[in-house]
C-alpha atoms as a PDB file:
ATOM      1  CA  MET A   1     -14.778  13.605  -3.568  1.00  0.00           C
ATOM      2  CA  PHE A   2     -15.021   9.516  -3.555  1.00  0.00           C
ATOM      3  CA  ALA A   3     -17.905   7.456  -4.532  1.00  0.00           C
ATOM      4  CA  VAL A   4     -18.904   4.048  -2.699  1.00  0.00           C
ATOM      5  CA  LEU A   5     -21.318   1.800  -4.132  1.00  0.00           C
ATOM      6  CA  THR A   6     -23.668  -0.163  -1.440  1.00  0.00           C
ATOM      7  CA  VAL A   7     -25.916  -3.110  -3.410  1.00  0.00           C
ATOM      8  CA  GLN A   8     -29.214  -4.348  -1.852  1.00  0.00           C
ATOM      9  CA  LYS A   9     -29.913  -7.907  -2.964  1.00  0.00           C
ATOM     10  CA  ARG A  10     -34.058  -8.392  -3.043  1.00  0.00           C
ATOM     11  CA  MET A  11     -35.301 -11.622  -1.217  1.00  0.00           C
ATOM     12  CA  ALA A  12     -38.630 -12.999  -1.881  1.00  0.00           C
ATOM     13  CA  HIS A  13     -40.455 -13.069   1.316  1.00  0.00           C
ATOM     14  CA  GLY A  14     -44.161 -15.037   0.986  1.00  0.00           C
ATOM     15  CA  VAL A  15     -46.130 -14.867  -2.272  1.00  0.00           C
ATOM     16  CA  LEU A  16     -46.095 -10.699  -2.099  1.00  0.00           C
ATOM     17  CA  GLY A  17     -42.642 -10.673  -2.215  1.00  0.00           C
ATOM     18  CA  ARG A  18     -42.039 -13.408  -5.271  1.00  0.00           C
ATOM     19  CA  LEU A  19     -44.584 -11.411  -6.797  1.00  0.00           C
ATOM     20  CA  ARG A  20     -42.216  -8.342  -6.345  1.00  0.00           C
ATOM     21  CA  LEU A  21     -39.601  -9.885  -8.382  1.00  0.00           C
ATOM     22  CA  PHE A  22     -41.091  -9.948 -11.141  1.00  0.00           C
ATOM     23  CA  SER A  23     -41.099  -6.027 -11.012  1.00  0.00           C
ATOM     24  CA  ARG A  24     -37.937  -4.356 -11.895  1.00  0.00           C
ATOM     25  CA  PRO A  25     -35.598  -2.822  -9.327  1.00  0.00           C
ATOM     26  CA  ALA A  26     -36.039   1.064  -8.182  1.00  0.00           C
ATOM     27  CA  PRO A  27     -33.089   3.152 -10.359  1.00  0.00           C
ATOM     28  CA  PRO A  28     -29.721   3.498  -8.382  1.00  0.00           C
ATOM     29  CA  ALA A  29     -30.232   6.096  -6.032  1.00  0.00           C
ATOM     30  CA  SER A  30     -26.974   8.569  -4.902  1.00  0.00           C
ATOM     31  CA  HIS A  31     -26.950  10.939  -1.393  1.00  0.00           C
ATOM     32  CA  MET A  32     -24.178  12.481   0.090  1.00  0.00           C
ATOM     33  CA  VAL A  33     -22.637  11.289   3.443  1.00  0.00           C
ATOM     34  CA  GLN A  34     -21.620  13.671   6.138  1.00  0.00           C
ATOM     35  CA  GLU A  35     -20.296  12.797   9.595  1.00  0.00           C
ATOM     36  CA  GLY A  36     -16.921  14.238  11.176  1.00  0.00           C
ATOM     37  CA  ASN A  37     -13.906  14.580   8.625  1.00  0.00           C
ATOM     38  CA  ILE A  38     -15.598  11.997   6.993  1.00  0.00           C
ATOM     39  CA  SER A  39     -17.715  12.603   3.326  1.00  0.00           C
ATOM     40  CA  TYR A  40     -18.245  10.301   0.215  1.00  0.00           C
ATOM     41  CA  LEU A  41     -20.758   9.990  -2.270  1.00  0.00           C
ATOM     42  CA  SER A  42     -23.329   6.616  -1.460  1.00  0.00           C
ATOM     43  CA  ILE A  43     -24.685   5.134  -4.246  1.00  0.00           C
ATOM     44  CA  CYS A  44     -27.516   2.403  -3.576  1.00  0.00           C
ATOM     45  CA  ALA A  45     -28.171   0.051  -6.075  1.00  0.00           C
ATOM     46  CA  GLN A  46     -30.773  -2.995  -6.210  1.00  0.00           C
ATOM     47  CA  MET A  47     -30.836  -6.044  -7.852  1.00  0.00           C
ATOM     48  CA  ASP A  48     -32.074  -9.854  -7.786  1.00  0.00           C
ATOM     49  CA  LYS A  49     -31.613 -13.326  -9.681  1.00  0.00           C
ATOM     50  CA  ARG A  50     -33.819 -11.922 -12.841  1.00  0.00           C
ATOM     51  CA  HIS A  51     -32.931  -7.636 -12.412  1.00  0.00           C
ATOM     52  CA  PRO A  52     -28.594  -7.799 -12.631  1.00  0.00           C
ATOM     53  CA  LEU A  53     -27.169  -4.051 -11.632  1.00  0.00           C
ATOM     54  CA  ASP A  54     -27.935  -1.114 -13.831  1.00  0.00           C
ATOM     55  CA  TRP A  55     -24.268  -0.858 -14.069  1.00  0.00           C
ATOM     56  CA  MET A  56     -24.927   2.537 -16.695  1.00  0.00           C
ATOM     57  CA  ASP A  57     -26.471   4.486 -14.224  1.00  0.00           C
ATOM     58  CA  ILE A  58     -24.414   3.411 -11.525  1.00  0.00           C
ATOM     59  CA  THR A  59     -21.096   4.685 -13.311  1.00  0.00           C
ATOM     60  CA  ARG A  60     -23.395   8.044 -14.481  1.00  0.00           C
ATOM     61  CA  LEU A  61     -24.116   8.579 -10.882  1.00  0.00           C
ATOM     62  CA  ALA A  62     -20.193   8.219  -9.614  1.00  0.00           C
ATOM     63  CA  ALA A  63     -19.149  10.396 -12.565  1.00  0.00           C
ATOM     64  CA  TRP A  64     -20.053  13.306  -9.855  1.00  0.00           C
ATOM     65  CA  ALA A  65     -17.081  11.467  -7.904  1.00  0.00           C
ATOM     66  CA  PRO A  66     -13.950  12.789  -9.424  1.00  0.00           C
ATOM     67  CA  ALA A  67     -11.416  10.971  -7.093  1.00  0.00           C
ATOM     68  CA  GLY A  68     -13.269   7.746  -7.933  1.00  0.00           C
ATOM     69  CA  LEU A  69     -15.572   4.694  -7.374  1.00  0.00           C
ATOM     70  CA  LEU A  70     -15.201   1.963  -4.349  1.00  0.00           C
ATOM     71  CA  LEU A  71     -16.941  -0.667  -4.748  1.00  0.00           C
ATOM     72  CA  PRO A  72     -17.866  -4.213  -2.823  1.00  0.00           C
ATOM     73  CA  ASP A  73     -16.259  -7.029  -2.822  1.00  0.00           C
ATOM     74  CA  GLY A  74     -17.370  -9.595  -5.179  1.00  0.00           C
ATOM     75  CA  PHE A  75     -18.622  -6.783  -8.094  1.00  0.00           C
ATOM     76  CA  SER A  76     -17.223  -5.465 -10.519  1.00  0.00           C
ATOM     77  CA  PRO A  77     -18.788  -3.983 -14.124  1.00  0.00           C
ATOM     78  CA  PRO A  78     -19.244  -5.437 -17.134  1.00  0.00           C
ATOM     79  CA  ASP A  79     -16.142  -5.215 -18.992  1.00  0.00           C
ATOM     80  CA  ASP A  80     -18.053  -2.761 -21.576  1.00  0.00           C
ATOM     81  CA  CYS A  81     -18.593  -0.368 -19.072  1.00  0.00           C
ATOM     82  CA  SER A  82     -16.056   2.024 -17.990  1.00  0.00           C
ATOM     83  CA  TYR A  83     -15.580   3.297 -14.245  1.00  0.00           C
ATOM     84  CA  ARG A  84     -12.709   5.115 -12.444  1.00  0.00           C
ATOM     85  CA  PRO A  85     -11.702   3.061  -9.524  1.00  0.00           C
ATOM     86  CA  VAL A  86     -10.552   5.462  -6.649  1.00  0.00           C
ATOM     87  CA  ASP A  87      -6.421   5.408  -6.799  1.00  0.00           C
ATOM     88  CA  ASP A  88      -4.859   3.778  -3.542  1.00  0.00           C
ATOM     89  CA  SER A  89      -0.886   4.036  -4.875  1.00  0.00           C
ATOM     90  CA  PRO A  90      -0.435   7.163  -2.517  1.00  0.00           C
ATOM     91  CA  PHE A  91      -1.797   4.808   0.485  1.00  0.00           C
ATOM     92  CA  GLN A  92      -0.127   1.945  -1.082  1.00  0.00           C
ATOM     93  CA  ARG A  93       3.277   3.828  -0.834  1.00  0.00           C
ATOM     94  CA  LEU A  94       2.684   4.904   3.070  1.00  0.00           C
ATOM     95  CA  LEU A  95       1.553   1.344   4.279  1.00  0.00           C
ATOM     96  CA  CYS A  96       4.971   0.387   2.156  1.00  0.00           C
ATOM     97  CA  CYS A  97       7.322   2.663   4.509  1.00  0.00           C
ATOM     98  CA  ARG A  98       5.213   1.747   7.774  1.00  0.00           C
ATOM     99  CA  ALA A  99       5.611  -1.814   6.894  1.00  0.00           C
ATOM    100  CA  CYS A 100       9.407  -1.520   6.407  1.00  0.00           C
ATOM    101  CA  HIS A 101       9.647   0.379   9.777  1.00  0.00           C
ATOM    102  CA  ARG A 102       7.597  -2.275  11.744  1.00  0.00           C
ATOM    103  CA  SER A 103       8.896  -5.384   9.745  1.00  0.00           C
ATOM    104  CA  LEU A 104      12.790  -3.662  11.405  1.00  0.00           C
ATOM    105  CA  GLN A 105      11.328  -2.892  14.886  1.00  0.00           C
ATOM    106  CA  GLU A 106       9.556  -6.594  15.025  1.00  0.00           C
ATOM    107  CA  ALA A 107      13.901  -8.247  13.674  1.00  0.00           C
ATOM    108  CA  ASP A 108      15.384  -6.374  16.219  1.00  0.00           C
ATOM    109  CA  LEU A 109      18.977  -6.424  14.789  1.00  0.00           C
ATOM    110  CA  SER A 110      22.224  -4.758  16.145  1.00  0.00           C
ATOM    111  CA  PRO A 111      22.504  -1.468  13.001  1.00  0.00           C
ATOM    112  CA  SER A 112      26.494  -1.803  13.021  1.00  0.00           C
ATOM    113  CA  LYS A 113      26.269  -4.426   9.996  1.00  0.00           C
ATOM    114  CA  LEU A 114      22.653  -3.423   9.300  1.00  0.00           C
ATOM    115  CA  GLN A 115      22.521  -1.639   5.469  1.00  0.00           C
ATOM    116  CA  ILE A 116      19.423  -0.408   3.829  1.00  0.00           C
ATOM    117  CA  CYS A 117      18.993   1.053   0.465  1.00  0.00           C
ATOM    118  CA  LEU A 118      16.067   3.360  -0.141  1.00  0.00           C
ATOM    119  CA  VAL A 119      14.891   3.325  -4.130  1.00  0.00           C
ATOM    120  CA  ASP A 120      13.392   7.053  -4.767  1.00  0.00           C
ATOM    121  CA  HIS A 121      13.312   8.755  -8.129  1.00  0.00           C
ATOM    122  CA  SER A 122      11.202  11.669  -6.768  1.00  0.00           C
ATOM    123  CA  GLY A 123      13.170  12.749  -3.960  1.00  0.00           C
ATOM    124  CA  GLN A 124       9.490  12.349  -1.886  1.00  0.00           C
ATOM    125  CA  PHE A 125      10.428  10.233   0.655  1.00  0.00           C
ATOM    126  CA  GLY A 126      13.434  12.130   2.154  1.00  0.00           C
ATOM    127  CA  LYS A 127      12.456  12.089   5.889  1.00  0.00           C
ATOM    128  CA  VAL A 128      11.929   8.580   5.724  1.00  0.00           C
ATOM    129  CA  ALA A 129      15.448   8.350   4.948  1.00  0.00           C
ATOM    130  CA  LEU A 130      16.646   9.831   7.324  1.00  0.00           C
ATOM    131  CA  SER A 131      13.777   7.943   9.811  1.00  0.00           C
ATOM    132  CA  LEU A 132      15.924   4.730   8.691  1.00  0.00           C
ATOM    133  CA  ILE A 133      19.219   5.821  10.536  1.00  0.00           C
ATOM    134  CA  ARG A 134      17.874   4.561  13.667  1.00  0.00           C
ATOM    135  CA  TYR A 135      18.048   0.891  12.140  1.00  0.00           C
ATOM    136  CA  ALA A 136      21.301   0.905  10.169  1.00  0.00           C
ATOM    137  CA  SER A 137      24.512   2.185  10.148  1.00  0.00           C
ATOM    138  CA  THR A 138      24.476   2.708   6.749  1.00  0.00           C
ATOM    139  CA  VAL A 139      21.572   4.426   4.903  1.00  0.00           C
ATOM    140  CA  LYS A 140      21.497   4.516   0.906  1.00  0.00           C
ATOM    141  CA  VAL A 141      19.600   5.936  -1.496  1.00  0.00           C
ATOM    142  CA  TYR A 142      19.463   4.916  -4.824  1.00  0.00           C
ATOM    143  CA  THR A 143      18.268   7.783  -7.116  1.00  0.00           C
ATOM    144  CA  PRO A 144      18.690   9.160 -10.552  1.00  0.00           C
ATOM    145  CA  GLN A 145      18.626  12.818  -9.190  1.00  0.00           C
ATOM    146  CA  PRO A 146      21.266  12.767  -6.639  1.00  0.00           C
ATOM    147  CA  ASP A 147      20.330  16.496  -5.924  1.00  0.00           C
ATOM    148  CA  LEU A 148      16.912  15.900  -4.702  1.00  0.00           C
ATOM    149  CA  PHE A 149      18.791  14.762  -1.524  1.00  0.00           C
ATOM    150  CA  GLU A 150      21.326  17.496  -0.996  1.00  0.00           C
ATOM    151  CA  GLU A 151      19.305  19.043   1.645  1.00  0.00           C
ATOM    152  CA  VAL A 152      18.284  15.770   3.026  1.00  0.00           C
ATOM    153  CA  ALA A 153      21.901  14.454   3.695  1.00  0.00           C
ATOM    154  CA  ARG A 154      22.902  17.459   4.977  1.00  0.00           C
ATOM    155  CA  LEU A 155      20.211  17.419   7.640  1.00  0.00           C
ATOM    156  CA  SER A 156      21.257  13.315   8.032  1.00  0.00           C
ATOM    157  CA  ILE A 157      25.013  14.731   9.358  1.00  0.00           C
ATOM    158  CA  LYS A 158      23.506  17.596  11.073  1.00  0.00           C
ATOM    159  CA  GLN A 159      20.687  15.957  13.191  1.00  0.00           C
ATOM    160  CA  TYR A 160      22.271  12.408  13.273  1.00  0.00           C
ATOM    161  CA  GLY A 161      26.349  12.462  12.782  1.00  0.00           C
ATOM    162  CA  ALA A 162      25.501   9.799  10.427  1.00  0.00           C
ATOM    163  CA  PRO A 163      26.029  10.456   5.975  1.00  0.00           C
ATOM    164  CA  LEU A 164      23.417   9.419   3.860  1.00  0.00           C
ATOM    165  CA  VAL A 165      24.946   7.521   1.125  1.00  0.00           C
ATOM    166  CA  VAL A 166      22.779   8.517  -2.464  1.00  0.00           C
ATOM    167  CA  SER A 167      24.406   7.484  -5.785  1.00  0.00           C
ATOM    168  CA  ASP A 168      22.705   7.279  -8.590  1.00  0.00           C
ATOM    169  CA  ASP A 169      24.837   3.759  -9.405  1.00  0.00           C
ATOM    170  CA  PRO A 170      22.558   1.114  -9.199  1.00  0.00           C
ATOM    171  CA  GLY A 171      24.678  -1.176  -8.028  1.00  0.00           C
ATOM    172  CA  CYS A 172      24.501   0.532  -4.448  1.00  0.00           C
ATOM    173  CA  VAL A 173      21.309  -1.693  -3.699  1.00  0.00           C
ATOM    174  CA  SER A 174      23.341  -4.680  -3.935  1.00  0.00           C
ATOM    175  CA  GLY A 175      24.784  -6.244  -0.838  1.00  0.00           C
ATOM    176  CA  CYS A 176      21.616  -4.719   1.472  1.00  0.00           C
ATOM    177  CA  PRO A 177      19.097  -6.717   2.908  1.00  0.00           C
ATOM    178  CA  VAL A 178      16.607  -4.269   3.315  1.00  0.00           C
ATOM    179  CA  VAL A 179      15.297  -2.231  -0.151  1.00  0.00           C
ATOM    180  CA  LEU A 180      12.347   0.387   0.351  1.00  0.00           C
ATOM    181  CA  ASN A 181      11.120   0.682  -2.894  1.00  0.00           C
ATOM    182  CA  PRO A 182       7.881   2.515  -2.654  1.00  0.00           C
ATOM    183  CA  TRP A 183       7.585   3.389  -6.446  1.00  0.00           C
ATOM    184  CA  GLY A 184       8.050  -0.070  -7.202  1.00  0.00           C
ATOM    185  CA  MET A 185      11.577   0.746  -9.314  1.00  0.00           C
ATOM    186  CA  SER A 186      13.391  -1.746 -11.230  1.00  0.00           C
ATOM    187  CA  ALA A 187      16.677  -1.964  -9.269  1.00  0.00           C
ATOM    188  CA  PRO A 188      19.250  -4.782  -9.103  1.00  0.00           C
ATOM    189  CA  VAL A 189      19.225  -6.651  -5.447  1.00  0.00           C
ATOM    190  CA  SER A 190      20.621  -9.195  -3.762  1.00  0.00           C
ATOM    191  CA  LYS A 191      18.766 -12.284  -4.089  1.00  0.00           C
ATOM    192  CA  GLU A 192      18.782 -12.355  -0.375  1.00  0.00           C
ATOM    193  CA  ALA A 193      17.014  -9.159   0.448  1.00  0.00           C
ATOM    194  CA  VAL A 194      13.612  -8.275   1.467  1.00  0.00           C
ATOM    195  CA  VAL A 195      11.928  -5.710  -0.842  1.00  0.00           C
ATOM    196  CA  PHE A 196       9.271  -3.883   0.536  1.00  0.00           C
ATOM    197  CA  SER A 197       7.668  -2.432  -2.918  1.00  0.00           C
ATOM    198  CA  THR A 198       4.041  -1.347  -3.926  1.00  0.00           C
ATOM    199  CA  ARG A 199       4.069  -4.248  -6.463  1.00  0.00           C
ATOM    200  CA  PRO A 200       5.474  -7.190  -7.459  1.00  0.00           C
ATOM    201  CA  LEU A 201       8.766  -7.002  -9.393  1.00  0.00           C
ATOM    202  CA  LYS A 202       9.649  -9.378 -12.539  1.00  0.00           C
ATOM    203  CA  GLY A 203      12.619 -11.277 -12.661  1.00  0.00           C
ATOM    204  CA  LEU A 204      13.446 -10.858  -8.819  1.00  0.00           C
ATOM    205  CA  HIS A 205      14.669 -13.683  -7.042  1.00  0.00           C
ATOM    206  CA  SER A 206      14.728 -11.877  -3.487  1.00  0.00           C
ATOM    207  CA  LEU A 207      11.429 -11.833  -1.166  1.00  0.00           C
ATOM    208  CA  CYS A 208       9.189  -8.861  -2.824  1.00  0.00           C
ATOM    209  CA  LEU A 209       6.631  -7.332  -0.652  1.00  0.00           C
ATOM    210  CA  SER A 210       3.600  -5.593  -1.871  1.00  0.00           C
ATOM    211  CA  GLU A 211      -0.411  -5.074  -1.481  1.00  0.00           C
ATOM    212  CA  TYR A 212      -0.757  -4.340   2.267  1.00  0.00           C
ATOM    213  CA  THR A 213      -3.456  -4.274   4.499  1.00  0.00           C
ATOM    214  CA  ALA A 214      -4.360  -1.827   7.139  1.00  0.00           C
ATOM    215  CA  ALA A 215      -6.426  -2.043  10.245  1.00  0.00           C
ATOM    216  CA  VAL A 216      -8.631   1.064  10.408  1.00  0.00           C
ATOM    217  CA  GLY A 217      -9.228   2.572  13.703  1.00  0.00           C
ATOM    218  CA  GLY A 218     -11.066   5.386  14.469  1.00  0.00           C
ATOM    219  CA  GLU A 219     -14.094   7.551  12.386  1.00  0.00           C
ATOM    220  CA  ALA A 220     -12.887   5.606   9.704  1.00  0.00           C
ATOM    221  CA  GLY A 221     -13.378   2.074  10.598  1.00  0.00           C
ATOM    222  CA  ARG A 222     -16.609   2.784  12.527  1.00  0.00           C
ATOM    223  CA  LEU A 223     -17.813   4.335   9.400  1.00  0.00           C
ATOM    224  CA  CYS A 224     -16.586   2.375   6.781  1.00  0.00           C
ATOM    225  CA  PRO A 225     -19.653   0.642   4.692  1.00  0.00           C
ATOM    226  CA  GLY A 226     -20.566  -2.903   4.881  1.00  0.00           C
ATOM    227  CA  GLY A 227     -18.783  -5.044   2.237  1.00  0.00           C
ATOM    228  CA  ILE A 228     -16.552  -2.281   1.432  1.00  0.00           C
ATOM    229  CA  ASP A 229     -12.756  -3.362   2.059  1.00  0.00           C
ATOM    230  CA  PRO A 230     -11.305  -1.058   4.873  1.00  0.00           C
ATOM    231  CA  THR A 231      -7.903  -0.614   3.408  1.00  0.00           C
ATOM    232  CA  GLN A 232      -9.404   0.409   0.268  1.00  0.00           C
ATOM    233  CA  PHE A 233     -11.909   3.213   2.267  1.00  0.00           C
ATOM    234  CA  ALA A 234      -8.677   4.197   4.170  1.00  0.00           C
ATOM    235  CA  ALA A 235      -7.087   4.798   0.501  1.00  0.00           C
ATOM    236  CA  ALA A 236      -9.887   6.670  -0.573  1.00  0.00           C
ATOM    237  CA  LEU A 237      -9.861   8.931   2.244  1.00  0.00           C
ATOM    238  CA  TYR A 238      -6.117   9.450   2.590  1.00  0.00           C
ATOM    239  CA  ALA A 239      -6.534  10.427  -1.139  1.00  0.00           C
ATOM    240  CA  SER A 240      -8.715  13.113  -0.132  1.00  0.00           C
ATOM    241  CA  GLY A 241      -6.955  14.623   2.907  1.00  0.00           C
ATOM    242  CA  ARG A 242      -9.489  13.190   4.982  1.00  0.00           C
ATOM    243  CA  LEU A 243      -8.153  10.122   6.602  1.00  0.00           C
ATOM    244  CA  ARG A 244      -7.226  11.456  10.318  1.00  0.00           C
ATOM    245  CA  ASP A 245      -7.350   8.295  12.389  1.00  0.00           C
ATOM    246  CA  PRO A 246      -4.623   5.917  13.332  1.00  0.00           C
ATOM    247  CA  VAL A 247      -3.588   3.096  10.334  1.00  0.00           C
ATOM    248  CA  GLU A 248      -1.909   0.064  11.326  1.00  0.00           C
ATOM    249  CA  VAL A 249      -0.223  -1.972   8.585  1.00  0.00           C
ATOM    250  CA  SER A 250      -1.308  -5.494   9.104  1.00  0.00           C
ATOM    251  CA  SER A 251       0.075  -7.551   6.320  1.00  0.00           C
ATOM    252  CA  CYS A 252       1.534  -7.856   3.129  1.00  0.00           C
ATOM    253  CA  LEU A 253       1.541 -10.051   0.006  1.00  0.00           C
ATOM    254  CA  SER A 254       4.379 -12.194  -1.390  1.00  0.00           C
ATOM    255  CA  GLY A 255       3.461 -13.879  -4.181  1.00  0.00           C
ATOM    256  CA  ASP A 256       0.517 -15.923  -3.607  1.00  0.00           C
ATOM    257  CA  GLU A 257       1.081 -15.767  -0.153  1.00  0.00           C
ATOM    258  CA  ARG A 258       0.169 -13.434   3.060  1.00  0.00           C
ATOM    259  CA  LEU A 259       1.861 -12.766   5.553  1.00  0.00           C
ATOM    260  CA  ASP A 260       2.746 -10.610   8.585  1.00  0.00           C
ATOM    261  CA  PHE A 261       5.157  -8.902   9.981  1.00  0.00           C
ATOM    262  CA  LEU A 262       6.649 -11.094  12.527  1.00  0.00           C
ATOM    263  CA  SER A 263       6.964 -13.775   9.528  1.00  0.00           C
ATOM    264  CA  VAL A 264       8.590 -10.598   7.665  1.00  0.00           C
ATOM    265  CA  ALA A 265      11.359  -9.980  10.406  1.00  0.00           C
ATOM    266  CA  SER A 266      12.441 -13.730  10.096  1.00  0.00           C
ATOM    267  CA  PHE A 267      13.000 -13.464   6.831  1.00  0.00           C
ATOM    268  CA  ILE A 268      14.771  -9.629   7.643  1.00  0.00           C
ATOM    269  CA  ARG A 269      17.265 -11.316   9.887  1.00  0.00           C
ATOM    270  CA  ARG A 270      17.641 -14.511   7.451  1.00  0.00           C
ATOM    271  CA  ALA A 271      19.215 -12.048   5.336  1.00  0.00           C
ATOM    272  CA  TYR A 272      21.029 -10.242   7.667  1.00  0.00           C
ATOM    273  CA  ASP A 273      23.376 -13.241   8.090  1.00  0.00           C
ATOM    274  CA  ALA A 274      23.521 -14.479   4.858  1.00  0.00           C
ATOM    275  CA  LEU A 275      24.531 -11.297   3.939  1.00  0.00           C
ATOM    276  CA  ASN A 276      27.226 -10.913   6.211  1.00  0.00           C
ATOM    277  CA  ALA A 277      28.357 -14.106   6.086  1.00  0.00           C
ATOM    278  CA  LYS A 278      29.008 -13.542   2.479  1.00  0.00           C
ATOM    279  CA  GLU A 279      30.748 -10.232   3.113  1.00  0.00           C
ATOM    280  CA  THR A 280      32.905 -12.007   5.657  1.00  0.00           C
ATOM    281  CA  ASP A 281      34.192 -14.785   3.247  1.00  0.00           C
ATOM    282  CA  GLU A 282      34.845 -12.157   0.232  1.00  0.00           C
ATOM    283  CA  PHE A 283      36.787 -10.751   2.822  1.00  0.00           C
ATOM    284  CA  ARG A 284      39.031 -13.597   3.882  1.00  0.00           C
ATOM    285  CA  ARG A 285      39.486 -14.590   0.033  1.00  0.00           C
ATOM    286  CA  LYS A 286      40.852 -10.977  -0.075  1.00  0.00           C
ATOM    287  CA  HIS A 287      43.611 -11.043   2.641  1.00  0.00           C
END
């Protein structure tokens, strides 16, 4: 279970309202919200210019929600007040994979000359590797543990007639215009490549994407509390196994710039053309 903080700002309306602002606000209170498949602990707190939020009481109530606390935009606890934020990394990994798929669909490239590399140390994204075969003639997997992908490699031949190139050599990432890296692992990529990651990777000269946002529909979108980021709300539901509504990845971050996936697709087409031209030049030099 996770918790959501709702903040009510007390305003002065008339003489009595101004007098009330001299009294302390009611202490933070909590109650369960349960509707359909969605449930969470709602923490309601009041504040005004004279009385800041009581973060000690807020974090004490949030301790009943082990999956963490979601805060409204613009609010953060003081440094001496510890709280457990919701872990959004599983949801960001999901959005990372969906962002890669959507960008490849928008790019609409011929699979015959496209190479895609999945970087995965866990073996968790085997099905994702299979799903990339429709876009590329060569799908590579860079992993320190190739044995984790043995079954997936067999399925690739059986279902698609196309082999997965599974390797523990980081050099296999080089030369791929599209790199899917949902764990944000360190890997040597070409400077022309488009890298779908879950965190900015230092030292890269290529386009590195992270911090995905989602368009959240259905019950989750309708019940997302005011002031709470919908992507964070969906991440909390996903982490607790309660996200049943359709979620569409809508944007990503590159440096300080937020991009849509038509823009990302144009970068992929550019990377595809540049790396194929480089490969052609190298072939001509050798022959």
